[in-house]
């Protein structure tokens, strides 16, 4: 039985289409199956997804996530 508190699997969300809201570092970590600290390191090193701040909160635009994944897939195909 599902409860209202349960969150949908973010990876399934990515496959089905990203949510219509800005994503936070927890969402990104879950989608890419990496620790949240990795998400922060990507930002610190200026690699990975482009994020932005709203006040003190780090957010990611779902459109940027789609673009980033597409770029990774293209780069991987070109490297093969």
Protein backbone atom coordinates (compact mmCIF):
# COMPACT_ATOMS: atom_id res chain seq x y z
CA UNK A 1 0.00 0.00 0.00
CA UNK A 2 1.38 3.41 -0.99
CA UNK A 3 1.35 6.37 1.36
CA UNK A 4 1.21 10.06 0.54
CA UNK A 5 4.74 10.50 1.95
CA UNK A 6 6.41 8.15 -0.52
CA UNK A 7 8.33 9.92 -3.26
CA UNK A 8 8.30 8.57 -6.81
CA UNK A 9 11.54 7.05 -8.09
CA UNK A 10 13.45 9.96 -9.69
CA UNK A 11 15.07 7.64 -12.26
CA UNK A 12 11.62 6.53 -13.41
CA UNK A 13 10.67 10.19 -13.56
CA UNK A 14 13.64 10.89 -15.86
CA UNK A 15 12.62 8.06 -18.19
CA UNK A 16 8.98 9.15 -18.21
CA UNK A 17 9.76 12.87 -18.35
CA UNK A 18 11.15 15.19 -15.75
CA UNK A 19 8.84 16.92 -13.30
CA UNK A 20 7.52 20.37 -14.07
CA UNK A 21 9.44 21.98 -11.22
CA UNK A 22 13.02 22.93 -10.47
CA UNK A 23 15.10 20.05 -9.14
CA UNK A 24 17.25 20.14 -6.02
CA UNK A 25 20.61 18.40 -5.36
CA UNK A 26 18.83 15.42 -3.78
CA UNK A 27 16.82 14.93 -6.97
CA UNK A 28 19.96 15.12 -9.14
CA UNK A 29 21.84 12.69 -6.90
CA UNK A 30 18.99 10.21 -7.08
CA UNK A 31 18.48 10.56 -10.84
CA UNK A 32 22.17 9.97 -11.60
CA UNK A 33 22.68 7.49 -8.73
CA UNK A 34 25.56 9.42 -7.20
CA UNK A 35 26.08 10.75 -3.68
CA UNK A 36 24.79 14.25 -3.06
CA UNK A 37 28.36 15.33 -2.31
CA UNK A 38 29.26 14.42 -5.92
CA UNK A 39 26.60 16.85 -7.15
CA UNK A 40 28.17 19.61 -5.03
CA UNK A 41 31.67 18.70 -6.28
CA UNK A 42 30.49 18.93 -9.90
CA UNK A 43 29.29 22.44 -9.17
CA UNK A 44 32.48 23.42 -7.34
CA UNK A 45 34.63 22.12 -10.22
CA UNK A 46 32.34 23.62 -12.90
CA UNK A 47 31.59 20.24 -14.44
CA UNK A 48 28.30 18.44 -14.74
CA UNK A 49 24.92 20.09 -14.73
CA UNK A 50 24.44 23.84 -14.73
CA UNK A 51 22.68 24.86 -11.56
CA UNK A 52 21.56 28.16 -10.14
CA UNK A 53 20.74 29.60 -6.75
CA UNK A 54 17.43 30.88 -5.51
CA UNK A 55 18.50 32.57 -2.31
CA UNK A 56 20.58 29.96 -0.51
CA UNK A 57 18.98 27.03 -2.36
CA UNK A 58 20.64 25.29 -5.30
CA UNK A 59 18.26 24.35 -8.10
CA UNK A 60 18.42 22.72 -11.53
CA UNK A 61 16.15 23.34 -14.49
CA UNK A 62 14.70 20.08 -15.90
CA UNK A 63 15.34 21.40 -19.44
CA UNK A 64 19.06 21.75 -18.57
CA UNK A 65 19.06 18.18 -17.23
CA UNK A 66 17.62 16.91 -20.54
CA UNK A 67 20.20 18.90 -22.52
CA UNK A 68 23.04 17.63 -20.33
CA UNK A 69 21.98 13.99 -20.74
CA UNK A 70 21.66 14.47 -24.51
CA UNK A 71 25.18 15.95 -24.64
CA UNK A 72 26.57 13.02 -22.65
CA UNK A 73 24.89 10.52 -24.94
CA UNK A 74 26.16 12.30 -28.06
CA UNK A 75 29.71 12.50 -26.70
CA UNK A 76 29.58 8.81 -25.79
CA UNK A 77 28.40 7.84 -29.28
CA UNK A 78 31.12 9.96 -30.90
CA UNK A 79 33.79 8.39 -28.68
CA UNK A 80 32.75 4.86 -29.64
